[in-house]
Amino acid sequence: MPFISKDWRSPGEAWVKTEEGWEKKKVLEHCKQIRYQESKEEEKENIDSVQQSTSHQPHCHITVKSTNEIAGFNELDEAVKRLDFRSAVRDVRRFNYICALLDHLIGQQMTGMSGCTQKALLAMLEEVARYATTSQHNPRGFRRLLNKLRALSTAERSSCWGGPLGSQLLWHQHTAKIDRILNMASEFQIKEPHPDLHPKLLNLPEECIREIILRLSDHRDLTASAQSCDEIFSIVNEQRVWRELTKFHFTTQQIELVLPKDTETLDWKIIFNSLKKVYGLNEERQYAEMLSLCKYCRCLFWKSLGHPCIAEQCPDFKARLQEAGGITPPAPVPPSAFLKFFSL
């Protein structure tokens, strides 16, 4: 006969029924505090609201080595909600980070996750679709996610033995949400600027266009920009552009290993491609903002928003850190490292 007791993976948790299903009470209260603070900041943008927002920053305490025996915020759906990923989609600095995270998860791997995690991921993807179609930002990343979503939908419909694992009602809800996302994608069209709108990009001086090109950190964006017109093509093929891109992604020691002896005939585009094949691209430098991990309170947070840290709240602990050599900066957490916390 079964042993009836509290679940050791979630001891003493209180659950609340919502329109989207059952949610843990403490996670729901944390999300409500974030939503309430966002609405207050929209109503009045002054110093008082900024000071008040520091008490409800999106953050998530997590164990470094996630195991089933450790009771903590180790579930992916809980971390997604406490870090407020759905609102982060609408931030241009974090949009690529969210897309990269979904790129790792959307697919056949998603069918083996819990129902709460599946709902959270599809809600994030729907928010990405809504933001990408309205703002026309990063259509390439959105299309890549759509290809994986179509493959997931096709595999779900063509399954022979009763469909994917889990509740059939839940998968009916997933199918309806996937259809909404695909409908938004089918209506997505890049709108050209009005002909009377000035100034346009090509109307700017060549020095300004070059400075814009130098801000691109992805070599694929450079290649796509070069295909737009002859003027940008000539700028992208300049050696300075590829030299700055190479120095941004690779260290001086790495560059010196592949530099030819004849420095008069340097082709920085070839050097960049050679280094990319040998070392790969640094994942930390591909995003304008990433999650960070505090080494003292084991807290994941967005770097620009901060978090309630023990090093700042406890004067004695902060004094001991100063005596030991100062406060260590938080460690950046790329999408692949973030998923390792959940054994994914």
Protein backbone atom coordinates (compact mmCIF):
# COMPACT_ATOMS: atom_id res chain seq x y z
CA MET A 1 0.00 0.00 0.00
CA PRO A 2 1.26 3.50 -0.74
CA PHE A 3 3.05 5.54 1.88
CA ILE A 4 1.09 8.77 2.40
CA SER A 5 3.21 11.69 3.53
CA LYS A 6 4.49 15.07 2.42
CA ASP A 7 6.32 15.03 -0.88
CA TRP A 8 10.04 15.21 -0.02
CA ARG A 9 10.68 17.07 -3.29
CA SER A 10 8.25 19.84 -2.31
CA PRO A 11 7.82 19.75 1.49
CA GLY A 12 4.93 21.72 2.92
CA GLU A 13 4.13 23.64 -0.27
CA ALA A 14 0.77 25.37 -0.67
CA TRP A 15 -0.79 25.32 -4.11
CA VAL A 16 -3.28 27.79 -5.63
CA LYS A 17 -5.54 27.13 -8.62
CA THR A 18 -5.34 29.81 -11.32
CA GLU A 19 -6.67 30.17 -14.85
CA GLU A 20 -3.48 28.63 -16.21
CA GLY A 21 -3.49 25.71 -13.75
CA TRP A 22 -2.08 25.00 -10.28
CA GLU A 23 0.76 27.18 -9.07
CA LYS A 24 2.86 27.21 -5.92
CA LYS A 25 1.66 29.93 -3.58
CA LYS A 26 5.07 31.42 -2.85
CA VAL A 27 5.94 31.59 -6.57
CA LEU A 28 2.56 33.15 -7.34
CA GLU A 29 2.98 35.79 -4.62
CA HIS A 30 6.46 36.65 -5.89
CA CYS A 31 5.15 37.09 -9.46
CA LYS A 32 2.27 39.26 -8.21
CA GLN A 33 4.75 41.52 -6.41
CA ILE A 34 6.75 41.96 -9.63
CA ARG A 35 3.62 42.68 -11.69
CA TYR A 36 2.35 45.14 -9.05
CA GLN A 37 5.66 46.95 -9.01
CA GLU A 38 5.71 47.19 -12.82
CA SER A 39 2.24 48.75 -12.83
CA LYS A 40 3.26 51.24 -10.14
CA GLU A 41 6.35 52.24 -12.12
CA GLU A 42 4.21 52.85 -15.20
CA GLU A 43 1.86 55.11 -13.23
CA LYS A 44 4.53 57.32 -11.69
CA GLU A 45 8.17 57.36 -12.69
CA ASN A 46 9.92 59.13 -9.86
CA ILE A 47 12.64 58.48 -7.32
CA ASP A 48 10.29 56.91 -4.79
CA SER A 49 9.09 54.23 -7.19
CA VAL A 50 12.67 53.40 -8.15
CA GLN A 51 13.63 52.99 -4.51
CA GLN A 52 10.58 50.82 -3.88
CA SER A 53 11.34 48.58 -6.88
CA THR A 54 14.61 47.43 -5.31
CA SER A 55 12.66 45.29 -2.81
CA HIS A 56 11.03 43.19 -5.57
CA GLN A 57 13.74 42.59 -8.15
CA PRO A 58 13.30 39.41 -10.21
CA HIS A 59 15.73 36.90 -8.71
CA CYS A 60 15.91 33.22 -7.90
CA HIS A 61 17.92 31.43 -5.24
CA ILE A 62 19.29 28.19 -6.60
CA THR A 63 21.65 25.41 -5.59
CA VAL A 64 24.86 25.06 -7.56
CA LYS A 65 24.49 21.26 -7.77
CA SER A 66 20.83 20.52 -8.43
CA THR A 67 19.59 17.20 -7.05
CA ASN A 68 16.16 15.79 -6.27
CA GLU A 69 17.04 15.53 -2.60
CA ILE A 70 17.61 19.26 -2.19
CA ALA A 71 14.43 21.26 -1.62
CA GLY A 72 14.89 24.60 -3.33
CA PHE A 73 14.06 26.52 -6.45
CA ASN A 74 15.48 23.90 -8.76
CA GLU A 75 12.47 23.50 -11.04
CA LEU A 76 12.84 25.22 -14.38
CA ASP A 77 9.31 26.61 -14.46
CA GLU A 78 9.74 28.17 -11.00
CA ALA A 79 13.02 29.80 -11.99
CA VAL A 80 11.46 31.14 -15.21
CA LYS A 81 8.60 32.75 -13.27
CA ARG A 82 10.72 34.17 -10.46
CA LEU A 83 13.17 35.68 -12.97
CA ASP A 84 10.21 37.12 -14.91
CA PHE A 85 11.33 35.84 -18.31
CA ARG A 86 8.04 36.81 -19.98
CA SER A 87 8.64 40.49 -19.23
CA ALA A 88 12.31 40.13 -20.17
CA VAL A 89 11.23 39.24 -23.71
CA ARG A 90 10.10 42.84 -24.20
CA ASP A 91 13.56 44.15 -23.26
CA VAL A 92 15.73 44.46 -26.36
CA ARG A 93 18.85 43.72 -24.30
CA ARG A 94 17.55 40.34 -23.12
CA PHE A 95 15.55 39.25 -26.18
CA ASN A 96 18.42 37.31 -27.79
CA TYR A 97 19.20 35.59 -24.48
CA ILE A 98 15.60 34.35 -24.17
CA CYS A 99 15.60 33.19 -27.81
CA ALA A 100 18.83 31.25 -27.27
CA LEU A 101 17.36 29.62 -24.16
CA LEU A 102 14.21 28.59 -26.04
CA ASP A 103 16.35 27.35 -28.92
CA HIS A 104 17.90 24.80 -26.55
CA LEU A 105 14.56 23.64 -25.16
CA ILE A 106 11.93 23.82 -27.91
CA GLY A 107 11.86 20.45 -29.68
CA GLN A 108 11.71 16.79 -28.82
CA GLN A 109 13.40 17.46 -25.47
CA MET A 110 10.37 19.49 -24.44
CA THR A 111 8.05 16.46 -24.54
CA GLY A 112 9.90 14.88 -21.61
CA MET A 113 9.54 17.90 -19.32
CA SER A 114 6.88 18.52 -16.73
CA GLY A 115 3.55 20.07 -17.68
CA CYS A 116 4.29 23.29 -15.77
CA THR A 117 7.60 23.67 -17.60
CA GLN A 118 5.94 23.08 -20.97
CA LYS A 119 3.32 25.74 -20.22
CA ALA A 120 5.98 28.23 -19.12
CA LEU A 121 8.11 27.67 -22.24
CA LEU A 122 5.18 28.00 -24.64
CA ALA A 123 4.02 31.14 -22.82
CA MET A 124 7.52 32.59 -23.32
CA LEU A 125 7.49 31.59 -26.98
CA GLU A 126 4.09 33.21 -27.49
CA GLU A 127 5.43 36.40 -25.91
CA VAL A 128 8.45 36.22 -28.25
CA ALA A 129 6.12 35.83 -31.24
CA ARG A 130 3.99 38.79 -30.13
CA TYR A 131 7.03 41.01 -29.57
CA ALA A 132 8.79 39.99 -32.79
CA THR A 133 5.71 40.56 -34.96
CA THR A 134 4.91 43.97 -33.46
CA SER A 135 8.44 45.39 -33.17
CA GLN A 136 9.97 43.45 -36.12
CA HIS A 137 13.03 42.74 -33.99
CA ASN A 138 15.35 39.81 -34.74
CA PRO A 139 13.21 37.93 -37.29
CA ARG A 140 16.01 35.42 -37.90
CA GLY A 141 15.97 34.09 -34.34
CA PHE A 142 12.18 33.99 -34.37
CA ARG A 143 12.11 31.97 -37.61
CA ARG A 144 14.62 29.50 -36.18
CA LEU A 145 12.32 28.91 -33.20
CA LEU A 146 9.36 28.50 -35.55
CA ASN A 147 11.11 25.71 -37.46
CA LYS A 148 11.60 23.78 -34.23
CA LEU A 149 8.03 24.48 -33.17
CA ARG A 150 6.68 23.17 -36.48
CA ALA A 151 8.76 20.01 -36.07
CA LEU A 152 7.36 19.55 -32.56
CA SER A 153 3.80 20.04 -33.80
CA THR A 154 4.32 17.58 -36.66
CA ALA A 155 5.79 14.95 -34.34
CA GLU A 156 2.88 15.38 -31.92
CA ARG A 157 0.27 14.92 -34.65
CA SER A 158 1.99 12.00 -36.36
CA SER A 159 2.66 9.99 -33.19
CA CYS A 160 1.35 6.43 -33.44
CA TRP A 161 0.78 5.36 -29.85
CA GLY A 162 -1.65 7.89 -28.41
CA GLY A 163 0.42 11.06 -28.58
CA PRO A 164 3.17 12.45 -26.32
CA LEU A 165 3.49 11.65 -22.65
CA GLY A 166 1.29 13.61 -20.28
CA SER A 167 -2.26 14.82 -20.02
CA GLN A 168 -4.22 14.87 -23.28
CA LEU A 169 -6.08 17.98 -22.08
CA LEU A 170 -2.74 19.69 -21.49
CA TRP A 171 -1.55 18.82 -24.98
CA HIS A 172 -4.78 20.11 -26.47
CA GLN A 173 -4.01 23.43 -24.78
CA HIS A 174 -0.44 23.26 -26.11
CA THR A 175 -1.74 22.61 -29.63
CA ALA A 176 -4.08 25.61 -29.44
CA LYS A 177 -1.21 27.83 -28.28
CA ILE A 178 1.10 26.49 -31.00
CA ASP A 179 -1.57 27.25 -33.61
CA ARG A 180 -1.85 30.82 -32.30
CA ILE A 181 1.92 31.27 -32.58
CA LEU A 182 2.01 29.86 -36.11
CA ASN A 183 -0.87 32.13 -37.13
CA MET A 184 1.02 35.16 -35.85
CA ALA A 185 4.08 33.98 -37.78
CA SER A 186 2.12 33.54 -41.00
CA GLU A 187 0.93 37.16 -40.81
CA PHE A 188 4.40 38.48 -39.97
CA GLN A 189 5.76 40.77 -42.68
CA ILE A 190 8.64 43.19 -42.45
CA LYS A 191 7.24 46.62 -43.21
CA GLU A 192 9.37 48.96 -45.24
CA PRO A 193 9.72 52.50 -43.90
CA HIS A 194 7.52 55.15 -45.44
CA PRO A 195 9.15 56.77 -48.49
CA ASP A 196 8.68 60.21 -46.96
CA LEU A 197 10.46 59.23 -43.74
CA HIS A 198 13.85 60.93 -43.41
CA PRO A 199 16.67 60.54 -42.75
CA LYS A 200 17.17 56.97 -43.97
CA LEU A 201 20.19 54.82 -43.24
CA LEU A 202 21.82 55.41 -46.61
CA ASN A 203 21.29 59.17 -46.27
CA LEU A 204 23.67 59.24 -43.32
CA PRO A 205 27.34 60.06 -43.85
CA GLU A 206 29.60 57.10 -44.54
CA GLU A 207 31.36 57.57 -41.20
CA CYS A 208 28.05 57.15 -39.33
CA ILE A 209 27.16 54.02 -41.28
CA ARG A 210 30.59 52.59 -40.53
CA GLU A 211 30.16 53.25 -36.80
CA ILE A 212 26.81 51.42 -36.89
CA ILE A 213 28.40 48.45 -38.66
CA LEU A 214 31.20 48.38 -36.09
CA ARG A 215 28.61 47.91 -33.33
CA LEU A 216 27.50 44.54 -34.77
CA SER A 217 28.96 41.65 -32.77
CA ASP A 218 27.59 38.77 -34.87
CA HIS A 219 29.37 37.85 -38.10
CA ARG A 220 26.05 36.64 -39.55
CA ASP A 221 24.63 40.15 -39.19
CA LEU A 222 27.60 41.50 -41.11
CA THR A 223 27.07 39.01 -43.92
CA ALA A 224 23.36 39.81 -44.09
CA SER A 225 24.04 43.57 -44.08
CA ALA A 226 26.48 43.23 -46.95
CA GLN A 227 23.72 41.74 -49.10
CA SER A 228 21.44 44.77 -48.69
CA CYS A 229 23.19 47.28 -50.96
CA ASP A 230 26.53 48.08 -52.57
CA GLU A 231 27.46 50.87 -50.15
CA ILE A 232 27.15 48.67 -47.05
CA PHE A 233 28.82 45.81 -48.95
CA SER A 234 31.95 47.93 -49.45
CA ILE A 235 31.98 48.99 -45.78
CA VAL A 236 31.53 45.42 -44.47
CA ASN A 237 34.45 44.21 -46.60
CA GLU A 238 36.81 46.72 -45.04
CA GLN A 239 39.63 45.22 -43.02
CA ARG A 240 38.93 47.45 -40.03
CA VAL A 241 35.45 45.98 -39.53
CA TRP A 242 36.70 42.38 -39.37
CA ARG A 243 39.75 43.37 -37.32
CA GLU A 244 37.57 44.96 -34.63
CA LEU A 245 35.22 41.96 -34.69
CA THR A 246 38.19 39.59 -34.26
CA LYS A 247 39.60 41.57 -31.34
CA PHE A 248 36.16 41.65 -29.71
CA HIS A 249 35.69 37.86 -29.72
CA PHE A 250 39.27 36.59 -29.24
CA THR A 251 42.22 37.39 -27.00
CA THR A 252 45.55 38.76 -28.17
CA GLN A 253 47.28 35.42 -27.51
CA GLN A 254 44.75 33.56 -29.64
CA ILE A 255 45.09 36.03 -32.50
CA GLU A 256 48.90 35.82 -32.49
CA LEU A 257 48.75 32.04 -32.98
CA VAL A 258 47.08 32.33 -36.39
CA LEU A 259 48.65 35.57 -37.63
CA PRO A 260 50.73 34.98 -40.79
CA LYS A 261 54.35 36.00 -40.90
CA ASP A 262 53.69 38.43 -43.72
CA THR A 263 51.72 41.14 -41.93
CA GLU A 264 51.41 43.28 -45.04
CA THR A 265 48.81 40.99 -46.64
CA LEU A 266 46.55 40.40 -43.65
CA ASP A 267 42.98 39.34 -44.36
CA TRP A 268 41.11 39.76 -41.07
CA LYS A 269 38.03 37.98 -42.37
CA ILE A 270 40.06 34.84 -42.98
CA ILE A 271 41.72 35.22 -39.57
CA PHE A 272 38.31 35.55 -37.89
CA ASN A 273 36.96 32.41 -39.60
CA SER A 274 40.10 30.47 -38.67
CA LEU A 275 39.84 31.48 -35.03
CA LYS A 276 36.12 30.67 -35.02
CA LYS A 277 36.85 27.13 -36.22
CA VAL A 278 39.59 26.57 -33.65
CA TYR A 279 38.18 28.27 -30.52
CA GLY A 280 34.53 28.88 -31.28
CA LEU A 281 32.75 32.08 -30.31
CA ASN A 282 32.61 33.19 -26.70
CA GLU A 283 28.99 32.73 -25.62
CA GLU A 284 29.27 35.44 -22.99
CA ARG A 285 29.89 38.12 -25.64
CA GLN A 286 26.90 37.35 -27.83
CA TYR A 287 24.29 39.00 -25.59
CA ALA A 288 23.79 42.56 -24.46
CA GLU A 289 22.73 41.28 -21.01
CA MET A 290 22.83 37.88 -19.33
CA LEU A 291 21.86 36.34 -16.05
CA SER A 292 24.44 36.55 -13.29
CA LEU A 293 25.14 34.27 -10.33
CA CYS A 294 26.01 35.79 -6.96
CA LYS A 295 28.78 33.80 -5.31
CA TYR A 296 27.63 34.67 -1.80
CA CYS A 297 23.88 34.12 -1.71
CA ARG A 298 23.69 31.72 -4.70
CA CYS A 299 21.16 33.94 -6.43
CA LEU A 300 20.42 34.20 -10.16
CA PHE A 301 19.45 37.70 -11.28
CA TRP A 302 19.55 40.13 -14.20
CA LYS A 303 22.70 42.20 -13.86
CA SER A 304 21.06 45.55 -14.64
CA LEU A 305 18.30 44.99 -12.02
CA GLY A 306 20.44 43.65 -9.17
CA HIS A 307 19.26 41.46 -6.29
CA PRO A 308 18.92 41.59 -2.48
CA CYS A 309 22.39 40.27 -1.57
CA ILE A 310 23.62 39.26 1.87
CA ALA A 311 26.86 41.13 1.16
CA GLU A 312 24.91 44.40 1.01
CA GLN A 313 22.35 43.71 3.76
CA CYS A 314 24.70 42.42 6.46
CA PRO A 315 27.33 45.00 7.54
CA ASP A 316 29.42 42.42 9.43
CA PHE A 317 29.59 40.09 6.44
CA LYS A 318 30.45 42.99 4.14
CA ALA A 319 33.23 44.10 6.49
CA ARG A 320 34.73 40.60 6.51
CA LEU A 321 34.66 40.55 2.71
CA GLN A 322 36.47 43.88 2.56
CA GLU A 323 39.16 42.52 4.88
CA ALA A 324 39.50 39.41 2.71
CA GLY A 325 40.15 41.43 -0.44
CA GLY A 326 36.88 42.97 -1.54
CA ILE A 327 33.59 41.77 -2.97
CA THR A 328 33.92 39.37 -5.89
CA PRO A 329 31.81 40.36 -8.92
CA PRO A 330 28.99 37.98 -9.93
CA ALA A 331 29.67 35.32 -12.54
CA PRO A 332 27.88 35.56 -15.92
CA VAL A 333 25.55 32.66 -16.73
CA PRO A 334 25.11 31.87 -20.46
CA PRO A 335 21.99 29.91 -21.57
CA SER A 336 23.84 26.58 -21.65
CA ALA A 337 25.18 27.13 -18.12
CA PHE A 338 21.71 28.13 -16.91
CA LEU A 339 20.23 24.84 -18.14
CA LYS A 340 22.93 22.85 -16.34
CA PHE A 341 21.34 23.90 -13.03
CA PHE A 342 18.35 21.77 -14.05
CA SER A 343 20.37 18.86 -15.53
CA LEU A 344 19.35 19.84 -19.09
